[in-house]
Amino acid sequence: MLGADTRTGGRLLADQLRLHGAGLVFGVPGESYLPVLDALYDYRGTMPFIACRQEGGAAMMAEAYGKLTGRPGICIVTRGPGATNASSGVHVARQDSTPMILLIGQVERGFRDREAFQEVDFRQMFGPLAKWVAQIDEAARIPEYMSRAFYLAVSGRPGPVVLALPEDMLRDEVQVADPEPYRRIEAHPGPEDMRAFCALLAAAKRPLAILGGGGWSEEAVAQVQAFAAASGLPVAASFRRQDLFGNDHPCYAGDIGIGINPALASCVKDADLLAVFGARLGEMPASGYTLLDIPRPKQKLIHVHPDASELGRIYQPDLAIAAAPRAFAAALAKVPPADGSGWSAWAKDARDAYEAWQQPLANPGSLQMADIMLWLRNALPDDAIIANGAGNYTAWIHRYFRYRRLHTQLAPTSGSMGYGVPAGIAAKLLHPGRTVVAFAGDGCFLMTGQEFATAVQYRAPVVFIVVNNGMYGTIRMHQERHFPGRVYGTDLVNPDFAAYARAFGGFGAIVEKTEEFAGAFEAAQTSGLPSILELRLDAQAITPRQSLSEIRAEALSR
């Protein structure tokens, strides 16, 4: 019998997770961390362990949890194959600036460096993907390592931390005190920063704000929106960050990402001041690094980012402010709004271009994706959460849906296929009272579709919409552009996805015509079950603007 103050490493680790505020713990059970699982048993009412079907899905669920809460999402997996599977979710967390902690069972300490069963050097493996990778060799140091992991995951540019847990260390018995829970530490702008910001904005004639990155709160979003409204400042969202500003607001100008509105791209290029809050302006929002000159943009640039190492990394700013979004938004709320009378026409043109861009375009076939997105836009409550993975089907979501509240968009800026299914499940487990819709392409769904079983097991009635065109559509599109007519490796033979849902105990329906969608969606919601609506899309409907045949013909004409 252990003494009152004596704990195993596994118990100590579970205690630290709860101490630092972990809610849901996602993972796939493994023998390498059985002492942790045993300790989590006693927390099953307050910190449930969600047993997933593959570690990639578990890690993506943890990442989605981190996105939605701003707290580190927790994932626990076993060594070797479990860790390599989980790396996909770690990569999403890295590129999306999401706080996350991945805990990995590891071989016994005495077996290291022998290539023992499933042994991997995780420092080398995860070094480029994580903010910090370490191994806890002494159980007494678990509180120290876990505290540092939580602090680091949320500080500066949020991101993933990876800790390896030797199996025998988790069985060790130690006496050690618990620390205090971690506290978020954020950089704040100084008075001189805000004065310089106001001066640059006052001198502008064609300003544009761009919002992005992680670490936002509802209060921060409201403060930025209030300043923009009072100043008449046009605002765009970075790639897959459309929920950072109300899309119905007259100041909203659209999203800067893949398939950008050409009018918005021109707006970015023609602006005389870009005020970038939180975004890194990577390859996708910068349209392949073509919207701004490198290293010195022709537009004046204000760059606000929580990590000072990102400032000047690619673009030389006229004003660099190392500040977290929450801290900068709070400071913005205390300065007087700018006089926007000089750019009111510029702002109106930007909004008009967004409204025009949202006019539905017909696609080939009897299933019209734009009309379906407009129906969802009007039918879903403002707090509905929309998740998606990667693929050409997302072009209709990003173009036609309108996000009205923060934390209603779960989409990987890393462009990871398979993300939408696990992200949607995590969202529903976290917010069971909210509507959650998860989009996937046919190729996208089958990368993590086994997690539909997780949704059924934990009674998470997500509506999964599988857009089935029988191919890896994005790659096929690029094939036709660069090697027209030479189709190879991109065709798919798929199951009946509705039957797939029913096989797991869920609801399934096939939608082949636009007019069938509303009834099928309502039936899915009424069922109270995890549901799959299979949308059978004409293979020619590859983008909102062009068909496959048009892309091929254009390529052949060059």
Protein backbone atom coordinates (compact mmCIF):
# COMPACT_ATOMS: atom_id res chain seq x y z
CA MET A 1 0.00 0.00 0.00
CA LEU A 2 1.42 3.35 -1.02
CA GLY A 3 1.74 6.10 1.57
CA ALA A 4 -0.65 9.04 1.50
CA ASP A 5 1.90 11.30 -0.13
CA THR A 6 3.47 8.65 -2.35
CA ARG A 7 2.35 8.32 -5.95
CA THR A 8 3.37 6.34 -9.00
CA GLY A 9 4.57 8.24 -12.03
CA GLY A 10 1.32 7.38 -13.78
CA ARG A 11 -0.79 8.75 -10.93
CA LEU A 12 1.39 11.84 -10.67
CA LEU A 13 1.01 12.55 -14.38
CA ALA A 14 -2.79 12.21 -14.29
CA ASP A 15 -2.88 14.51 -11.26
CA GLN A 16 -0.88 17.14 -13.14
CA LEU A 17 -3.26 17.03 -16.10
CA ARG A 18 -6.20 17.69 -13.82
CA LEU A 19 -4.31 20.32 -11.82
CA HIS A 20 -3.62 22.31 -14.99
CA GLY A 21 -7.23 22.19 -16.14
CA ALA A 22 -7.34 19.41 -18.73
CA GLY A 23 -10.90 18.51 -19.68
CA LEU A 24 -11.03 15.78 -22.31
CA VAL A 25 -8.07 13.48 -22.92
CA PHE A 26 -7.89 11.87 -26.36
CA GLY A 27 -5.86 8.80 -27.21
CA VAL A 28 -5.53 5.18 -28.21
CA PRO A 29 -4.71 2.86 -25.30
CA GLY A 30 -1.29 1.24 -25.22
CA GLU A 31 0.57 -1.05 -22.86
CA SER A 32 3.43 1.44 -22.63
CA TYR A 33 1.38 3.80 -20.45
CA LEU A 34 -0.97 1.54 -18.53
CA PRO A 35 -0.22 3.27 -15.18
CA VAL A 36 -1.53 6.52 -16.66
CA LEU A 37 -4.70 4.83 -17.92
CA ASP A 38 -5.24 3.30 -14.51
CA ALA A 39 -4.91 6.71 -12.85
CA LEU A 40 -7.26 8.31 -15.38
CA TYR A 41 -9.91 5.79 -14.33
CA ASP A 42 -10.40 7.79 -11.13
CA TYR A 43 -10.90 10.98 -13.17
CA ARG A 44 -13.40 9.49 -15.60
CA GLY A 45 -16.18 11.77 -14.36
CA THR A 46 -14.24 15.05 -14.62
CA MET A 47 -11.51 14.34 -17.19
CA PRO A 48 -12.81 11.58 -19.49
CA PHE A 49 -10.43 9.57 -21.65
CA ILE A 50 -11.83 9.40 -25.19
CA ALA A 51 -10.62 6.16 -26.75
CA CYS A 52 -10.16 6.74 -30.48
CA ARG A 53 -9.63 4.30 -33.35
CA GLN A 54 -6.32 5.68 -34.68
CA GLU A 55 -3.76 7.99 -33.18
CA GLY A 56 -3.93 10.48 -36.05
CA GLY A 57 -7.61 11.00 -35.30
CA ALA A 58 -6.91 11.30 -31.58
CA ALA A 59 -4.23 13.94 -32.14
CA MET A 60 -6.51 15.93 -34.46
CA MET A 61 -9.27 15.81 -31.83
CA ALA A 62 -6.83 17.18 -29.26
CA GLU A 63 -5.78 19.90 -31.69
CA ALA A 64 -9.42 20.88 -32.33
CA TYR A 65 -10.00 21.00 -28.57
CA GLY A 66 -7.05 23.38 -28.27
CA LYS A 67 -8.44 25.57 -31.06
CA LEU A 68 -11.85 25.82 -29.44
CA THR A 69 -10.73 26.41 -25.86
CA GLY A 70 -7.36 28.16 -26.11
CA ARG A 71 -6.09 25.57 -23.60
CA PRO A 72 -3.70 22.76 -24.53
CA GLY A 73 -5.47 19.81 -26.08
CA ILE A 74 -4.21 16.56 -24.54
CA CYS A 75 -3.41 13.41 -26.50
CA ILE A 76 -1.83 10.21 -25.15
CA VAL A 77 -0.50 7.50 -27.45
CA THR A 78 1.82 4.56 -27.31
CA ARG A 79 5.38 4.41 -28.63
CA GLY A 80 6.53 3.74 -32.20
CA PRO A 81 3.51 3.25 -34.49
CA GLY A 82 1.24 5.20 -32.15
CA ALA A 83 3.56 8.20 -32.13
CA THR A 84 4.14 8.16 -35.88
CA ASN A 85 0.40 8.06 -36.48
CA ALA A 86 -0.11 10.98 -34.08
CA SER A 87 2.48 13.12 -35.87
CA SER A 88 -0.15 14.25 -38.39
CA GLY A 89 -2.08 16.02 -35.64
CA VAL A 90 1.10 17.54 -34.22
CA HIS A 91 1.86 19.01 -37.64
CA VAL A 92 -1.60 20.62 -37.74
CA ALA A 93 -1.05 22.11 -34.28
CA ARG A 94 2.31 23.51 -35.35
CA GLN A 95 1.12 25.21 -38.54
CA ASP A 96 -2.18 26.33 -37.00
CA SER A 97 -0.56 27.76 -33.85
CA THR A 98 -2.69 25.60 -31.56
CA PRO A 99 -1.74 24.71 -27.98
CA MET A 100 -1.42 20.95 -27.58
CA ILE A 101 0.47 18.41 -25.47
CA LEU A 102 1.25 14.97 -26.88
CA LEU A 103 2.26 12.35 -24.30
CA ILE A 104 3.93 9.21 -25.65
CA GLY A 105 4.64 5.95 -23.89
CA GLN A 106 8.28 4.98 -24.37
CA VAL A 107 10.48 1.91 -23.94
CA GLU A 108 11.98 1.27 -20.52
CA ARG A 109 14.97 3.43 -19.64
CA GLY A 110 17.34 0.46 -19.52
CA PHE A 111 16.40 -0.57 -23.07
CA ARG A 112 17.19 2.73 -24.77
CA ASP A 113 19.51 2.93 -27.79
CA ARG A 114 19.15 -0.78 -28.58
CA GLU A 115 16.32 -0.29 -31.08
CA ALA A 116 14.06 -2.00 -28.59
CA PHE A 117 10.51 -2.93 -29.52
CA GLN A 118 8.90 0.13 -31.15
CA GLU A 119 11.70 2.41 -29.93
CA VAL A 120 11.98 5.83 -31.58
CA ASP A 121 14.12 8.84 -30.70
CA PHE A 122 11.27 11.30 -30.28
CA ARG A 123 13.54 14.31 -29.93
CA GLN A 124 14.74 13.78 -33.49
CA MET A 125 11.36 12.74 -34.82
CA PHE A 126 9.31 15.62 -33.44
CA GLY A 127 12.03 18.27 -33.23
CA PRO A 128 10.92 20.21 -36.34
CA LEU A 129 7.21 19.89 -35.48
CA ALA A 130 7.00 20.82 -31.80
CA LYS A 131 7.93 23.79 -29.64
CA TRP A 132 9.67 21.44 -27.21
CA VAL A 133 10.37 17.70 -27.13
CA ALA A 134 11.62 16.00 -23.97
CA GLN A 135 11.65 12.72 -22.10
CA ILE A 136 10.78 12.44 -18.41
CA ASP A 137 13.29 9.98 -16.93
CA GLU A 138 12.58 10.71 -13.26
CA ALA A 139 9.05 10.44 -11.90
CA ALA A 140 9.80 13.10 -9.28
CA ARG A 141 10.26 15.63 -12.11
CA ILE A 142 6.85 15.04 -13.67
CA PRO A 143 5.33 18.17 -12.06
CA GLU A 144 8.23 20.27 -13.37
CA TYR A 145 8.00 18.93 -16.92
CA MET A 146 4.21 19.13 -17.08
CA SER A 147 4.15 22.69 -15.75
CA ARG A 148 6.67 23.73 -18.37
CA ALA A 149 4.70 21.95 -21.08
CA PHE A 150 1.49 23.84 -20.26
CA TYR A 151 3.27 27.20 -20.00
CA LEU A 152 5.11 26.67 -23.27
CA ALA A 153 2.12 25.37 -25.26
CA VAL A 154 0.18 28.61 -24.74
CA SER A 155 3.00 31.18 -24.64
CA GLY A 156 4.17 33.33 -27.55
CA ARG A 157 3.00 31.62 -30.71
CA PRO A 158 0.95 28.72 -29.29
CA GLY A 159 1.86 25.26 -30.45
CA PRO A 160 2.47 21.59 -29.62
CA VAL A 161 4.74 20.13 -26.94
CA VAL A 162 5.79 16.47 -26.93
CA LEU A 163 6.81 14.49 -23.83
CA ALA A 164 8.00 10.87 -23.86
CA LEU A 165 7.20 8.69 -20.85
CA PRO A 166 9.40 5.62 -20.26
CA GLU A 167 7.22 2.71 -19.22
CA ASP A 168 9.18 1.83 -16.11
CA MET A 169 9.30 5.48 -14.97
CA LEU A 170 5.50 5.48 -14.81
CA ARG A 171 5.65 2.62 -12.29
CA ASP A 172 8.13 4.35 -10.00
CA GLU A 173 6.84 5.50 -6.61
CA VAL A 174 7.84 8.97 -5.44
CA GLN A 175 6.90 11.67 -2.98
CA VAL A 176 6.68 15.12 -4.55
CA ALA A 177 4.53 18.19 -4.08
CA ASP A 178 2.20 19.61 -6.72
CA PRO A 179 2.88 23.08 -8.16
CA GLU A 180 0.33 25.81 -8.76
CA PRO A 181 -1.70 25.64 -12.00
CA TYR A 182 -0.04 27.34 -14.97
CA ARG A 183 -0.97 30.89 -15.88
CA ARG A 184 -1.07 32.31 -19.37
CA ILE A 185 1.72 34.81 -20.03
CA GLU A 186 1.17 37.23 -22.90
CA ALA A 187 3.18 40.03 -24.45
CA HIS A 188 1.48 43.45 -24.34
CA PRO A 189 1.96 46.46 -26.63
CA GLY A 190 3.49 49.57 -25.10
CA PRO A 191 2.08 53.11 -25.30
CA GLU A 192 4.61 54.03 -28.01
CA ASP A 193 3.47 51.05 -30.08
CA MET A 194 -0.14 52.22 -29.97
CA ARG A 195 0.77 55.84 -30.75
CA ALA A 196 2.76 54.69 -33.79
CA PHE A 197 -0.12 52.45 -34.85
CA CYS A 198 -2.60 55.33 -34.66
CA ALA A 199 -0.27 57.64 -36.60
CA LEU A 200 0.22 55.17 -39.46
CA LEU A 201 -3.50 54.48 -39.68
CA ALA A 202 -4.36 58.18 -39.65
CA ALA A 203 -2.00 58.78 -42.59
CA ALA A 204 -3.44 55.96 -44.70
CA LYS A 205 -5.84 56.41 -47.59
CA ARG A 206 -6.37 52.73 -48.49
CA PRO A 207 -5.90 50.67 -45.31
CA LEU A 208 -6.77 47.02 -44.86
CA ALA A 209 -6.63 44.97 -41.65
CA ILE A 210 -5.93 41.24 -41.83
CA LEU A 211 -6.77 38.99 -38.87
CA GLY A 212 -5.28 35.56 -38.27
CA GLY A 213 -3.33 33.25 -36.02
CA GLY A 214 -4.31 31.61 -32.75
CA GLY A 215 -4.86 32.86 -29.23
CA TRP A 216 -8.01 34.95 -29.78
CA SER A 217 -10.90 35.33 -27.36
CA GLU A 218 -14.49 36.46 -27.88
CA GLU A 219 -13.71 39.69 -26.07
CA ALA A 220 -10.69 40.37 -28.29
CA VAL A 221 -12.73 39.72 -31.44
CA ALA A 222 -15.45 42.07 -30.19
CA GLN A 223 -12.90 44.80 -29.39
CA VAL A 224 -11.29 44.64 -32.84
CA GLN A 225 -14.70 44.62 -34.51
CA ALA A 226 -15.80 47.64 -32.49
CA PHE A 227 -12.67 49.57 -33.47
CA ALA A 228 -13.10 48.63 -37.13
CA ALA A 229 -16.77 49.67 -37.08
CA ALA A 230 -16.01 53.02 -35.47
CA SER A 231 -13.17 53.66 -37.93
CA GLY A 232 -14.85 52.27 -41.04
CA LEU A 233 -11.79 50.04 -41.45
CA PRO A 234 -12.10 47.19 -43.97
CA VAL A 235 -11.08 43.84 -42.48
CA ALA A 236 -10.11 40.57 -44.13
CA ALA A 237 -9.51 37.18 -42.54
CA SER A 238 -6.44 35.10 -43.14
CA PHE A 239 -6.70 31.57 -44.57
CA ARG A 240 -9.26 29.53 -42.62
CA ARG A 241 -9.60 32.18 -39.91
CA GLN A 242 -12.95 33.53 -41.14
CA ASP A 243 -14.55 33.31 -37.70
CA LEU A 244 -12.30 36.08 -36.34
CA PHE A 245 -14.65 38.77 -37.66
CA GLY A 246 -18.41 38.68 -38.25
CA ASN A 247 -18.89 37.94 -41.93
CA ASP A 248 -22.17 39.88 -42.02
CA HIS A 249 -20.47 43.04 -40.78
CA PRO A 250 -20.22 45.85 -43.38
CA CYS A 251 -16.46 46.15 -42.69
CA TYR A 252 -15.78 42.51 -43.59
CA ALA A 253 -14.09 42.11 -46.98
CA GLY A 254 -13.59 38.34 -47.23
CA ASP A 255 -10.87 35.78 -46.68
CA ILE A 256 -7.33 35.75 -47.99
CA GLY A 257 -6.58 32.16 -48.84
CA ILE A 258 -6.70 29.52 -51.56
CA GLY A 259 -8.92 30.63 -54.44
CA ILE A 260 -8.98 34.22 -53.21
CA ASN A 261 -11.52 36.65 -54.63
CA PRO A 262 -9.50 38.45 -57.37
CA ALA A 263 -10.98 41.76 -56.22
CA LEU A 264 -9.73 41.15 -52.69
CA ALA A 265 -6.30 40.19 -54.00
CA SER A 266 -6.21 43.52 -55.84
CA CYS A 267 -7.30 45.25 -52.64
CA VAL A 268 -4.33 43.76 -50.78
CA LYS A 269 -1.92 44.80 -53.53
CA ASP A 270 -3.39 48.31 -53.87
CA ALA A 271 -3.56 49.04 -50.14
CA ASP A 272 -1.19 51.68 -48.85
CA LEU A 273 -1.31 50.18 -45.34
CA LEU A 274 -1.73 46.59 -44.21
CA ALA A 275 -2.42 46.10 -40.51
CA VAL A 276 -1.86 42.42 -39.79
CA PHE A 277 -3.08 41.21 -36.40
CA GLY A 278 -1.94 37.75 -35.31
CA ALA A 279 -1.32 36.21 -38.75
CA ARG A 280 2.07 35.06 -40.03
CA LEU A 281 1.10 35.70 -43.68
CA GLY A 282 2.38 32.34 -44.86
CA GLU A 283 2.23 30.83 -48.33
CA MET A 284 -1.55 30.31 -48.56
CA PRO A 285 -2.79 33.74 -47.37
CA ALA A 286 -0.02 35.42 -49.37
CA SER A 287 -1.10 33.57 -52.56
CA GLY A 288 2.25 31.86 -52.96
CA TYR A 289 4.08 34.91 -51.59
CA THR A 290 2.83 37.07 -54.46
CA LEU A 291 0.61 39.59 -52.63
CA LEU A 292 3.48 41.29 -50.78
CA ASP A 293 7.02 41.86 -51.98
CA ILE A 294 9.77 40.11 -50.03
CA PRO A 295 11.48 41.25 -47.94
CA ARG A 296 10.19 44.83 -48.24
CA PRO A 297 6.48 45.15 -49.13
CA LYS A 298 5.44 48.14 -51.20
CA GLN A 299 2.54 48.62 -48.77
CA LYS A 300 3.31 50.05 -45.36
CA LEU A 301 3.06 47.14 -42.96
CA ILE A 302 2.02 46.99 -39.33
CA HIS A 303 2.64 43.48 -38.06
CA VAL A 304 1.30 42.42 -34.66
CA HIS A 305 2.26 38.92 -33.55
CA PRO A 306 2.66 37.22 -30.15
CA ASP A 307 6.06 35.80 -31.05
CA ALA A 308 8.78 38.38 -31.71
CA SER A 309 10.74 35.87 -33.81
CA GLU A 310 7.96 35.99 -36.44
CA LEU A 311 8.30 39.75 -36.85
CA GLY A 312 10.61 40.50 -39.76
CA ARG A 313 11.02 36.81 -40.49
CA ILE A 314 9.74 37.18 -44.06
CA TYR A 315 8.42 40.74 -44.39
CA GLN A 316 10.07 43.85 -43.02
CA PRO A 317 7.36 45.78 -41.15
CA ASP A 318 7.18 49.53 -40.75
CA LEU A 319 5.86 48.87 -37.27
CA ALA A 320 6.44 45.57 -35.47
CA ILE A 321 4.49 44.93 -32.28
CA ALA A 322 5.16 41.82 -30.20
CA ALA A 323 1.77 41.32 -28.57
CA ALA A 324 -0.80 38.57 -28.13
CA PRO A 325 -4.15 39.14 -29.90
CA ARG A 326 -6.00 39.55 -26.60
CA ALA A 327 -3.51 42.08 -25.27
CA PHE A 328 -3.40 44.06 -28.50
CA ALA A 329 -7.20 44.10 -28.80
CA ALA A 330 -7.50 45.39 -25.23
CA ALA A 331 -5.05 48.19 -26.03
CA LEU A 332 -6.92 48.95 -29.25
CA ALA A 333 -10.13 49.39 -27.26
CA LYS A 334 -8.48 52.25 -25.33
CA VAL A 335 -7.35 54.37 -28.30
CA PRO A 336 -9.68 56.69 -30.20
CA PRO A 337 -11.04 55.32 -33.49
CA ALA A 338 -9.50 56.59 -36.69
CA ASP A 339 -11.27 59.07 -38.91
CA GLY A 340 -12.34 56.80 -41.75
CA SER A 341 -14.06 59.43 -43.87
CA GLY A 342 -11.15 59.49 -46.29
CA TRP A 343 -11.36 55.79 -47.07
CA SER A 344 -15.12 55.18 -46.84
CA ALA A 345 -15.44 54.61 -50.59
CA TRP A 346 -12.46 52.21 -50.47
CA ALA A 347 -14.10 50.25 -47.64
CA LYS A 348 -17.46 50.14 -49.43
CA ASP A 349 -15.84 48.85 -52.61
CA ALA A 350 -14.17 46.07 -50.61
CA ARG A 351 -17.49 45.03 -49.06
CA ASP A 352 -19.34 45.25 -52.37
CA ALA A 353 -16.72 42.99 -53.94
CA TYR A 354 -17.28 40.43 -51.16
CA GLU A 355 -21.05 40.53 -51.66
CA ALA A 356 -20.62 40.06 -55.41
CA TRP A 357 -18.21 37.17 -54.81
CA GLN A 358 -20.91 35.42 -52.75
CA GLN A 359 -23.44 35.33 -55.56
CA PRO A 360 -23.97 31.62 -56.30
CA LEU A 361 -22.48 30.11 -59.43
CA ALA A 362 -23.96 26.98 -60.98
CA ASN A 363 -21.78 23.88 -61.15
CA PRO A 364 -22.23 20.88 -63.46
CA GLY A 365 -24.77 18.29 -62.37
CA SER A 366 -28.00 18.15 -60.40
CA LEU A 367 -26.34 18.86 -57.05
CA GLN A 368 -25.53 22.56 -56.63
CA MET A 369 -22.93 23.09 -53.91
CA ALA A 370 -23.39 26.87 -53.74
CA ASP A 371 -27.12 26.47 -53.07
CA ILE A 372 -26.45 23.90 -50.35
CA MET A 373 -24.00 26.23 -48.62
CA LEU A 374 -26.49 29.11 -48.83
CA TRP A 375 -29.16 26.87 -47.29
CA LEU A 376 -26.84 25.97 -44.42
CA ARG A 377 -25.86 29.62 -43.99
CA ASN A 378 -29.50 30.56 -43.50
CA ALA A 379 -30.64 27.48 -41.55
CA LEU A 380 -27.89 26.95 -39.00
CA PRO A 381 -27.72 28.88 -35.72
CA ASP A 382 -24.95 31.45 -35.35
CA ASP A 383 -23.06 29.24 -32.91
CA ALA A 384 -23.01 26.18 -35.19
CA ILE A 385 -19.52 24.77 -35.65
CA ILE A 386 -18.36 23.92 -39.17
CA ALA A 387 -15.40 21.55 -39.47
CA ASN A 388 -13.66 20.50 -42.64
CA GLY A 389 -10.51 18.83 -43.87
CA ALA A 390 -8.77 19.61 -47.14
CA GLY A 391 -9.85 19.30 -50.74
CA ASN A 392 -11.61 21.23 -53.48
CA TYR A 393 -14.99 20.79 -51.79
CA THR A 394 -13.82 23.33 -49.19
CA ALA A 395 -13.85 26.08 -51.82
CA TRP A 396 -17.66 26.19 -51.62
CA ILE A 397 -17.60 26.31 -47.81
CA HIS A 398 -15.08 29.14 -47.60
CA ARG A 399 -16.72 31.13 -50.37
CA TYR A 400 -20.41 30.87 -49.50
CA PHE A 401 -20.78 30.15 -45.79
CA ARG A 402 -20.75 33.06 -43.34
CA TYR A 403 -19.17 32.73 -39.91
CA ARG A 404 -20.74 34.98 -37.32
CA ARG A 405 -19.01 33.98 -34.09
CA LEU A 406 -15.54 33.04 -32.92
CA HIS A 407 -14.76 29.32 -32.66
CA THR A 408 -17.28 28.28 -35.27
CA GLN A 409 -14.70 27.37 -37.92
CA LEU A 410 -12.51 24.29 -37.47
CA ALA A 411 -10.32 24.04 -40.54
CA PRO A 412 -6.62 23.17 -40.87
CA THR A 413 -4.43 25.97 -42.19
CA SER A 414 -1.89 23.18 -42.64
CA GLY A 415 -4.11 21.76 -45.39
CA SER A 416 -4.33 18.33 -43.77
CA MET A 417 -6.79 15.88 -45.27
CA GLY A 418 -8.79 13.87 -42.77
CA TYR A 419 -9.09 16.71 -40.26
CA GLY A 420 -12.81 17.42 -40.44
CA VAL A 421 -14.07 14.11 -39.01
CA PRO A 422 -12.06 14.06 -35.74
CA ALA A 423 -12.35 17.84 -35.34
CA GLY A 424 -16.12 17.63 -35.58
CA ILE A 425 -16.23 14.88 -32.96
CA ALA A 426 -14.07 16.87 -30.54
CA ALA A 427 -16.31 19.91 -31.04
CA LYS A 428 -19.47 17.95 -30.31
CA LEU A 429 -17.99 16.33 -27.19
CA LEU A 430 -16.92 19.76 -25.95
CA HIS A 431 -20.18 21.52 -26.92
CA PRO A 432 -22.92 18.85 -26.93
CA GLY A 433 -25.67 21.48 -27.13
CA ARG A 434 -24.39 23.08 -30.33
CA THR A 435 -24.92 21.99 -33.92
CA VAL A 436 -21.75 20.54 -35.43
CA VAL A 437 -21.38 19.89 -39.15
CA ALA A 438 -18.21 18.21 -40.43
CA PHE A 439 -17.40 18.27 -44.14
CA ALA A 440 -15.11 15.80 -45.89
CA GLY A 441 -14.39 14.77 -49.42
CA ASP A 442 -14.58 11.09 -50.29
CA GLY A 443 -10.79 10.79 -50.13
CA CYS A 444 -10.65 13.04 -47.08
CA PHE A 445 -13.26 11.06 -45.14
CA LEU A 446 -11.60 7.68 -45.56
CA MET A 447 -8.36 8.95 -44.04
CA THR A 448 -10.02 9.24 -40.61
CA GLY A 449 -13.49 7.80 -41.26
CA GLN A 450 -12.94 5.05 -38.69
CA GLU A 451 -13.49 7.73 -36.05
CA PHE A 452 -17.18 7.60 -36.94
CA ALA A 453 -17.13 4.65 -34.54
CA THR A 454 -15.82 7.00 -31.85
CA ALA A 455 -18.73 9.36 -32.50
CA VAL A 456 -21.20 6.48 -32.12
CA GLN A 457 -19.49 5.15 -28.98
CA TYR A 458 -19.54 8.50 -27.21
CA ARG A 459 -22.94 9.56 -28.56
CA ALA A 460 -21.69 12.58 -30.44
CA PRO A 461 -24.35 13.31 -33.10
CA VAL A 462 -22.24 15.18 -35.61
CA VAL A 463 -23.66 15.58 -39.12
CA PHE A 464 -20.86 14.46 -41.44
CA ILE A 465 -21.28 15.64 -45.02
CA VAL A 466 -19.22 13.56 -47.44
CA VAL A 467 -18.81 15.21 -50.83
CA ASN A 468 -18.25 12.25 -53.14
CA ASN A 469 -16.92 12.90 -56.65
CA GLY A 470 -14.99 9.64 -56.99
CA MET A 471 -11.52 11.13 -57.00
CA TYR A 472 -8.78 12.97 -55.19
CA GLY A 473 -10.23 16.14 -56.66
CA THR A 474 -7.54 18.70 -55.84
CA ILE A 475 -4.77 16.53 -57.28
CA ARG A 476 -6.89 15.72 -60.35
CA MET A 477 -7.39 19.46 -60.89
CA HIS A 478 -3.64 20.05 -60.79
CA GLN A 479 -3.09 17.08 -63.11
CA GLU A 480 -5.41 18.61 -65.69
CA ARG A 481 -3.67 21.98 -65.40
CA HIS A 482 -0.15 20.66 -65.78
CA PHE A 483 -0.58 17.29 -67.55
CA PRO A 484 -3.97 17.56 -69.30
CA GLY A 485 -5.64 14.27 -70.10
CA ARG A 486 -3.00 12.15 -68.35
CA VAL A 487 -5.14 11.06 -65.41
CA TYR A 488 -3.32 8.64 -63.15
CA GLY A 489 -3.55 7.69 -59.49
CA THR A 490 -6.42 10.03 -58.62
CA ASP A 491 -9.53 7.92 -59.32
CA LEU A 492 -11.30 6.39 -56.31
CA VAL A 493 -13.75 3.51 -55.90
CA ASN A 494 -15.83 4.28 -52.83
CA PRO A 495 -18.25 2.49 -50.52
CA ASP A 496 -21.86 3.45 -50.01
CA PHE A 497 -21.19 6.03 -47.31
CA ALA A 498 -24.79 6.04 -46.09
CA ALA A 499 -24.61 2.27 -45.57
CA TYR A 500 -21.26 2.78 -43.84
CA ALA A 501 -22.98 5.04 -41.31
CA ARG A 502 -25.75 2.56 -40.68
CA ALA A 503 -23.24 -0.27 -40.22
CA PHE A 504 -21.79 1.60 -37.24
CA GLY A 505 -25.21 2.36 -35.77
CA GLY A 506 -25.60 5.86 -37.18
CA PHE A 507 -27.92 7.54 -39.66
CA GLY A 508 -27.09 7.63 -43.36
CA ALA A 509 -28.64 9.16 -46.47
CA ILE A 510 -27.63 9.76 -50.06
CA VAL A 511 -28.26 13.15 -51.68
CA GLU A 512 -28.08 13.36 -55.48
CA LYS A 513 -30.16 16.50 -56.10
CA THR A 514 -30.09 19.92 -54.46
CA GLU A 515 -33.74 19.75 -53.47
CA GLU A 516 -33.10 16.54 -51.49
CA PHE A 517 -30.56 18.12 -49.17
CA ALA A 518 -32.76 20.05 -46.73
CA GLY A 519 -34.93 17.04 -45.93
CA ALA A 520 -31.94 14.75 -45.53
CA PHE A 521 -30.19 17.22 -43.22
CA GLU A 522 -33.26 17.65 -41.05
CA ALA A 523 -33.74 13.88 -40.88
CA ALA A 524 -30.13 13.50 -39.78
CA GLN A 525 -30.62 16.01 -36.98
CA THR A 526 -33.92 14.47 -35.92
CA SER A 527 -32.32 11.02 -35.68
CA GLY A 528 -30.14 12.16 -32.77
CA LEU A 529 -27.39 9.89 -34.13
CA PRO A 530 -24.02 10.54 -35.73
CA SER A 531 -24.97 10.89 -39.38
CA ILE A 532 -23.44 10.73 -42.82
CA LEU A 533 -25.01 12.58 -45.72
CA GLU A 534 -23.31 11.42 -48.91
CA LEU A 535 -23.47 14.18 -51.51
CA ARG A 536 -22.88 12.65 -54.93
CA LEU A 537 -21.28 15.45 -56.87
CA ASP A 538 -20.71 15.46 -60.61
CA ALA A 539 -17.02 14.83 -61.27
CA GLN A 540 -16.93 17.89 -63.54
CA ALA A 541 -17.81 20.15 -60.59
CA ILE A 542 -14.25 20.68 -59.42
CA THR A 543 -14.28 24.38 -58.40
CA PRO A 544 -16.98 27.05 -58.08
CA ARG A 545 -15.59 28.77 -61.17
CA GLN A 546 -14.41 26.04 -63.55
CA SER A 547 -15.23 22.49 -64.55
CA LEU A 548 -12.61 19.82 -65.13
CA SER A 549 -13.20 19.99 -68.86
CA GLU A 550 -12.70 23.76 -68.85
CA ILE A 551 -9.45 23.41 -66.90
CA ARG A 552 -8.20 20.75 -69.35
CA ALA A 553 -9.20 22.82 -72.40
CA GLU A 554 -7.44 25.86 -70.99
CA ALA A 555 -4.28 23.84 -70.37
CA LEU A 556 -4.32 22.36 -73.88
CA SER A 557 -4.73 25.80 -75.44
CA ARG A 558 -1.51 27.13 -73.92
